[in-house]
Amino acid sequence: MNNIFKIRISKKIGSVRCNIVLLDSVYQLPFKLEVLGENFKTETKKSDFYPYSFVNAETLFYKGETPHIKYFKTCVTEAKYKELAKKS
């Protein structure tokens, strides 16, 4: 079973043709990335602690305090937010 897919994107900009090839896999790892990070005791871990709704063109390179909890997924509790925000 082949679970790897490839997307080719090509666009001509002026006289130059730009090509991008994206490769991704579908369910190649036996566990979620968060679990694998814990099992292999990696320094950087996967988590849901990311303010997805905060990111836009104006805040893409934002530097400063951790964005308000309202920008995070609803699964982030206030206690977890406070704990992780201290590390930022």
N, C-alpha and C. Protein backbone atom coordinates (compact mmCIF):
# COMPACT_ATOMS: atom_id res chain seq x y z
N MET A 1 0.84 -1.18 0.00
CA MET A 1 0.00 0.00 0.00
C MET A 1 0.89 1.25 0.00
N ASN A 2 0.67 2.16 -0.93
CA ASN A 2 1.47 3.37 -1.04
C ASN A 2 0.73 4.51 -0.36
N ASN A 3 1.24 4.98 0.77
CA ASN A 3 0.59 6.03 1.53
C ASN A 3 1.31 7.37 1.44
N ILE A 4 2.15 7.51 0.43
CA ILE A 4 2.86 8.78 0.26
C ILE A 4 2.27 9.47 -0.95
N PHE A 5 2.01 10.76 -0.79
CA PHE A 5 1.48 11.49 -1.93
C PHE A 5 2.38 12.68 -2.25
N LYS A 6 2.33 13.09 -3.51
CA LYS A 6 3.18 14.17 -4.00
C LYS A 6 2.31 15.20 -4.68
N ILE A 7 2.57 16.46 -4.39
CA ILE A 7 1.88 17.57 -5.05
C ILE A 7 2.94 18.45 -5.69
N ARG A 8 2.79 18.70 -6.98
CA ARG A 8 3.71 19.58 -7.69
C ARG A 8 2.99 20.89 -7.99
N ILE A 9 3.64 21.99 -7.65
CA ILE A 9 3.08 23.32 -7.91
C ILE A 9 4.10 24.06 -8.76
N SER A 10 3.66 24.62 -9.86
CA SER A 10 4.55 25.32 -10.76
C SER A 10 3.91 26.64 -11.17
N LYS A 11 4.70 27.70 -11.16
CA LYS A 11 4.17 29.00 -11.56
C LYS A 11 5.28 29.80 -12.21
N LYS A 12 4.94 30.47 -13.29
CA LYS A 12 5.92 31.32 -13.96
C LYS A 12 5.79 32.72 -13.39
N ILE A 13 6.91 33.23 -12.88
CA ILE A 13 6.95 34.58 -12.32
C ILE A 13 7.95 35.36 -13.17
N GLY A 14 7.44 36.25 -14.00
CA GLY A 14 8.30 36.94 -14.94
C GLY A 14 8.83 35.94 -15.95
N SER A 15 10.15 35.88 -16.08
CA SER A 15 10.76 34.92 -17.00
C SER A 15 11.25 33.66 -16.30
N VAL A 16 10.99 33.54 -14.99
CA VAL A 16 11.47 32.41 -14.21
C VAL A 16 10.31 31.49 -13.84
N ARG A 17 10.50 30.19 -14.03
CA ARG A 17 9.49 29.21 -13.61
C ARG A 17 9.88 28.69 -12.25
N CYS A 18 9.01 28.83 -11.25
CA CYS A 18 9.24 28.35 -9.89
C CYS A 18 8.47 27.06 -9.69
N ASN A 19 9.15 26.07 -9.13
CA ASN A 19 8.54 24.77 -8.88
C ASN A 19 8.65 24.41 -7.41
N ILE A 20 7.58 23.89 -6.87
CA ILE A 20 7.56 23.40 -5.49
C ILE A 20 7.00 21.99 -5.52
N VAL A 21 7.67 21.09 -4.82
CA VAL A 21 7.18 19.72 -4.72
C VAL A 21 6.96 19.42 -3.25
N LEU A 22 5.75 19.04 -2.89
CA LEU A 22 5.41 18.70 -1.51
C LEU A 22 5.20 17.19 -1.42
N LEU A 23 5.90 16.56 -0.49
CA LEU A 23 5.72 15.14 -0.23
C LEU A 23 5.19 14.98 1.17
N ASP A 24 4.24 14.10 1.35
CA ASP A 24 3.70 13.86 2.68
C ASP A 24 3.30 12.40 2.79
N SER A 25 3.19 11.95 4.01
CA SER A 25 2.79 10.58 4.24
C SER A 25 1.47 10.54 4.99
N VAL A 26 0.80 9.44 4.86
CA VAL A 26 -0.47 9.25 5.54
C VAL A 26 -0.31 8.09 6.51
N TYR A 27 -0.34 8.39 7.78
CA TYR A 27 -0.30 7.36 8.82
C TYR A 27 0.90 6.43 8.73
N GLN A 28 2.08 6.99 8.51
CA GLN A 28 3.28 6.17 8.43
C GLN A 28 3.83 5.84 9.81
N LEU A 29 3.55 6.68 10.79
CA LEU A 29 4.06 6.46 12.14
C LEU A 29 3.03 5.70 12.97
N PRO A 30 3.49 4.82 13.84
CA PRO A 30 2.55 3.98 14.59
C PRO A 30 1.79 4.71 15.71
N PHE A 31 2.24 5.90 16.10
CA PHE A 31 1.60 6.64 17.19
C PHE A 31 1.52 8.11 16.81
N LYS A 32 0.78 8.87 17.58
CA LYS A 32 0.71 10.31 17.39
C LYS A 32 2.09 10.90 17.69
N LEU A 33 2.41 12.04 17.07
CA LEU A 33 3.72 12.67 17.29
C LEU A 33 3.94 13.03 18.75
N GLU A 34 2.88 13.42 19.44
CA GLU A 34 3.00 13.76 20.86
C GLU A 34 3.48 12.54 21.66
N VAL A 35 2.92 11.37 21.37
CA VAL A 35 3.29 10.13 22.07
C VAL A 35 4.71 9.72 21.70
N LEU A 36 5.06 9.81 20.42
CA LEU A 36 6.42 9.45 20.00
C LEU A 36 7.46 10.34 20.67
N GLY A 37 7.18 11.63 20.78
CA GLY A 37 8.10 12.54 21.45
C GLY A 37 8.32 12.17 22.90
N GLU A 38 7.26 11.76 23.56
CA GLU A 38 7.39 11.32 24.97
C GLU A 38 8.16 10.01 25.05
N ASN A 39 7.84 9.06 24.18
CA ASN A 39 8.51 7.76 24.20
C ASN A 39 10.00 7.86 23.92
N PHE A 40 10.39 8.75 22.99
CA PHE A 40 11.80 8.89 22.63
C PHE A 40 12.49 10.00 23.42
N LYS A 41 11.76 10.58 24.37
CA LYS A 41 12.31 11.63 25.24
C LYS A 41 13.01 12.74 24.45
N THR A 42 12.31 13.23 23.42
CA THR A 42 12.86 14.30 22.60
C THR A 42 12.79 15.63 23.34
N GLU A 43 13.69 16.52 22.99
CA GLU A 43 13.73 17.84 23.63
C GLU A 43 12.51 18.67 23.21
N THR A 44 12.16 18.61 21.95
CA THR A 44 11.00 19.34 21.43
C THR A 44 9.85 18.36 21.29
N LYS A 45 8.72 18.73 21.83
CA LYS A 45 7.56 17.84 21.83
C LYS A 45 6.41 18.46 21.03
N LYS A 46 5.60 17.63 20.43
CA LYS A 46 4.39 18.06 19.73
C LYS A 46 3.32 18.34 20.78
N SER A 47 2.60 19.42 20.59
CA SER A 47 1.51 19.73 21.52
C SER A 47 0.43 20.52 20.79
N ASP A 48 -0.68 20.72 21.47
CA ASP A 48 -1.77 21.54 20.92
C ASP A 48 -1.61 23.00 21.33
N PHE A 49 -0.53 23.31 22.01
CA PHE A 49 -0.31 24.65 22.52
C PHE A 49 0.24 25.54 21.41
N TYR A 50 -0.63 25.98 20.55
CA TYR A 50 -0.25 26.89 19.46
C TYR A 50 -1.43 27.79 19.14
N PRO A 51 -1.21 29.09 19.09
CA PRO A 51 -2.32 30.03 18.86
C PRO A 51 -2.69 30.15 17.38
N TYR A 52 -3.27 29.09 16.82
CA TYR A 52 -3.59 29.07 15.39
C TYR A 52 -4.43 30.26 14.96
N SER A 53 -5.41 30.65 15.75
CA SER A 53 -6.28 31.75 15.33
C SER A 53 -5.62 33.12 15.51
N PHE A 54 -4.44 33.18 16.10
CA PHE A 54 -3.70 34.43 16.27
C PHE A 54 -2.89 34.76 15.01
N VAL A 55 -2.47 33.72 14.31
CA VAL A 55 -1.57 33.90 13.19
C VAL A 55 -2.30 34.41 11.96
N ASN A 56 -1.79 35.50 11.41
CA ASN A 56 -2.27 36.04 10.14
C ASN A 56 -1.12 36.82 9.52
N ALA A 57 -1.36 37.48 8.42
CA ALA A 57 -0.29 38.20 7.72
C ALA A 57 0.37 39.26 8.60
N GLU A 58 -0.40 39.89 9.46
CA GLU A 58 0.14 40.97 10.30
C GLU A 58 0.92 40.45 11.50
N THR A 59 0.62 39.26 11.98
CA THR A 59 1.28 38.73 13.17
C THR A 59 2.26 37.60 12.86
N LEU A 60 2.53 37.37 11.59
CA LEU A 60 3.36 36.24 11.19
C LEU A 60 4.73 36.24 11.87
N PHE A 61 5.33 37.40 12.04
CA PHE A 61 6.66 37.50 12.66
C PHE A 61 6.57 38.14 14.05
N TYR A 62 5.46 37.93 14.72
CA TYR A 62 5.22 38.52 16.05
C TYR A 62 6.26 38.07 17.06
N LYS A 63 6.75 39.02 17.82
CA LYS A 63 7.64 38.72 18.95
C LYS A 63 7.07 39.48 20.14
N GLY A 64 6.92 38.78 21.24
CA GLY A 64 6.36 39.42 22.42
C GLY A 64 5.80 38.38 23.37
N GLU A 65 4.93 38.82 24.23
CA GLU A 65 4.33 37.92 25.21
C GLU A 65 3.43 36.90 24.52
N THR A 66 3.18 35.82 25.21
CA THR A 66 2.30 34.77 24.69
C THR A 66 0.92 35.37 24.41
N PRO A 67 0.35 35.11 23.22
CA PRO A 67 -0.98 35.63 22.91
C PRO A 67 -2.02 35.15 23.92
N HIS A 68 -3.10 35.89 24.03
CA HIS A 68 -4.19 35.57 24.95
C HIS A 68 -4.71 34.15 24.72
N ILE A 69 -5.21 33.54 25.77
CA ILE A 69 -5.72 32.15 25.71
C ILE A 69 -6.83 31.98 24.68
N LYS A 70 -7.55 33.03 24.35
CA LYS A 70 -8.66 32.92 23.38
C LYS A 70 -8.17 32.52 21.98
N TYR A 71 -6.89 32.67 21.70
CA TYR A 71 -6.35 32.32 20.39
C TYR A 71 -5.95 30.84 20.29
N PHE A 72 -6.00 30.12 21.39
CA PHE A 72 -5.61 28.72 21.41
C PHE A 72 -6.84 27.82 21.26
N LYS A 73 -6.60 26.55 20.92
CA LYS A 73 -7.70 25.60 20.82
C LYS A 73 -8.41 25.49 22.17
N THR A 74 -9.66 25.10 22.13
CA THR A 74 -10.45 25.01 23.36
C THR A 74 -9.94 23.92 24.30
N CYS A 75 -9.13 22.98 23.79
CA CYS A 75 -8.63 21.90 24.65
C CYS A 75 -7.53 22.38 25.60
N VAL A 76 -7.03 23.61 25.42
CA VAL A 76 -6.00 24.14 26.32
C VAL A 76 -6.70 24.73 27.54
N THR A 77 -6.43 24.14 28.69
CA THR A 77 -7.03 24.64 29.93
C THR A 77 -6.29 25.89 30.38
N GLU A 78 -6.92 26.66 31.24
CA GLU A 78 -6.28 27.87 31.75
C GLU A 78 -5.02 27.53 32.54
N ALA A 79 -5.05 26.42 33.29
CA ALA A 79 -3.87 26.00 34.06
C ALA A 79 -2.71 25.64 33.12
N LYS A 80 -3.03 24.90 32.05
CA LYS A 80 -1.98 24.53 31.09
C LYS A 80 -1.45 25.77 30.37
N TYR A 81 -2.34 26.69 30.03
CA TYR A 81 -1.94 27.94 29.38
C TYR A 81 -0.96 28.71 30.26
N LYS A 82 -1.29 28.85 31.54
CA LYS A 82 -0.42 29.59 32.45
C LYS A 82 0.93 28.90 32.60
N GLU A 83 0.92 27.58 32.69
CA GLU A 83 2.16 26.82 32.86
C GLU A 83 3.06 26.96 31.62
N LEU A 84 2.48 26.76 30.45
CA LEU A 84 3.27 26.82 29.22
C LEU A 84 3.65 28.23 28.83
N ALA A 85 2.82 29.21 29.16
CA ALA A 85 3.13 30.60 28.83
C ALA A 85 4.35 31.08 29.59
N LYS A 86 4.60 30.54 30.77
CA LYS A 86 5.78 30.91 31.55
C LYS A 86 7.07 30.52 30.85
N LYS A 87 7.02 29.42 30.08
CA LYS A 87 8.20 28.90 29.40
C LYS A 87 8.53 29.72 28.15
N SER A 88 7.57 30.47 27.65
CA SER A 88 7.77 31.23 26.40
C SER A 88 8.69 32.41 26.61
